[in-house]
Protein backbone atom coordinates (compact mmCIF):
# COMPACT_ATOMS: atom_id res chain seq x y z
CA MET A 1 0.00 0.01 0.00
CA LEU A 2 1.16 3.48 -0.82
CA ALA A 3 -0.13 6.78 0.56
CA VAL A 4 0.33 10.18 -1.09
CA ARG A 5 -1.02 13.33 0.50
CA GLY A 6 -2.61 15.98 -1.67
CA VAL A 7 -5.22 18.70 -1.89
CA TYR A 8 -8.51 18.82 -3.74
CA ASP A 9 -9.70 22.21 -5.02
CA GLY A 10 -13.15 21.05 -6.10
CA LYS A 11 -12.04 20.17 -9.62
CA ARG A 12 -8.80 18.22 -9.43
CA PHE A 13 -6.39 16.61 -7.02
CA ARG A 14 -2.84 17.88 -6.63
CA VAL A 15 -0.05 16.21 -4.72
CA LEU A 16 1.54 18.29 -1.96
CA PRO A 17 4.95 19.64 -3.03
CA SER A 18 6.71 17.80 -0.21
CA GLU A 19 5.31 14.40 -1.26
CA ALA A 20 7.50 12.03 -3.21
CA LEU A 21 5.56 10.40 -6.04
CA PRO A 22 6.10 6.74 -6.80
CA VAL A 23 7.22 5.68 -10.25
CA VAL A 24 4.28 3.98 -11.95
CA ASP A 25 4.61 2.11 -15.19
CA ARG A 26 1.06 0.85 -15.38
CA GLU A 27 -2.46 1.78 -14.29
CA ILE A 28 -3.15 1.14 -10.65
CA PRO A 29 -6.37 1.29 -8.64
CA VAL A 30 -6.71 4.32 -6.39
CA ILE A 31 -8.67 4.93 -3.19
CA ILE A 32 -9.17 8.55 -2.20
CA THR A 33 -9.77 9.25 1.48
CA PHE A 34 -10.93 12.61 2.78
CA LEU A 35 -9.57 13.10 6.26
CA GLU A 36 -11.82 16.04 7.17
CA ASP A 37 -15.51 15.18 7.02
CA LEU A 38 -17.33 18.33 5.89
CA PRO A 39 -20.75 17.78 4.39
CA LEU A 40 -20.35 19.91 1.28
CA ALA A 41 -23.99 20.92 1.03
CA ASP A 42 -24.07 22.15 4.63
CA TYR A 43 -20.82 24.04 4.23
CA GLN A 44 -21.96 25.69 0.99
CA ARG A 45 -25.30 26.64 2.60
CA GLU A 46 -23.48 28.25 5.52
CA GLN A 47 -21.29 30.19 3.12
CA GLU A 48 -24.31 31.36 1.12
CA ILE A 49 -26.01 32.54 4.32
CA GLU A 50 -22.91 34.45 5.41
CA ILE A 51 -22.58 36.08 1.97
CA ALA A 52 -26.28 37.07 1.99
CA LYS A 53 -25.90 38.61 5.48
CA TRP A 54 -22.87 40.57 4.29
CA MET A 55 -24.69 41.76 1.16
CA ARG A 56 -27.74 42.89 3.19
CA ALA A 57 -25.53 44.72 5.69
CA THR A 58 -23.63 46.43 2.87
CA ARG A 59 -26.86 47.40 1.13
CA GLU A 60 -28.20 48.96 4.36
CA THR A 61 -25.15 51.26 4.51
CA MET A 62 -25.80 52.64 0.99
CA LYS A 63 -27.80 55.78 0.30
CA PRO A 64 -31.04 55.39 -1.65
CA LEU A 65 -30.68 55.94 -5.40
CA GLY A 66 -33.56 58.41 -5.63
CA MET A 67 -35.31 56.68 -8.54
CA ASN A 68 -36.60 53.25 -9.42
CA THR A 69 -34.74 50.71 -11.56
CA LYS A 70 -36.84 51.37 -14.69
CA ASP A 71 -36.01 55.08 -14.58
CA LEU A 72 -32.32 54.33 -14.04
CA VAL A 73 -32.30 52.03 -17.11
CA GLU A 74 -34.07 54.63 -19.25
CA GLU A 75 -31.67 57.36 -18.12
CA GLY A 76 -28.73 55.10 -19.00
CA ARG A 77 -30.15 54.49 -22.44
CA GLU A 78 -30.59 58.17 -23.03
CA ARG A 79 -26.99 58.86 -22.06
CA CYS A 80 -25.63 56.13 -24.34
CA SER A 81 -27.74 56.73 -27.41
CA PRO A 82 -26.64 59.35 -29.92
CA SER A 83 -28.89 62.40 -30.04
CA SER A 84 -31.00 63.10 -33.13
CA ASP A 85 -28.77 66.12 -33.95
CA GLU A 86 -25.71 63.90 -34.29
CA LYS A 87 -27.43 61.43 -36.64
CA GLY A 88 -27.80 64.14 -39.27
């Protein structure tokens, strides 16, 4: 049996730089063991809740815009569109 320590970033596994890799000249079966048991769904949910709390707190510190979203969009369109005088 051979053990190699590594890290998993959610997409791929990487061997720790200090680990010596064995020389392999054929395919070998692999068993991956996670030493820390974190239910991913629970962890992600906690992270989402923390992010939502932070976003709400940040939003509360902002001043009101003074107009609704539709008016903001229309004003943005008016600023970006060329005036009828420039079309010629």
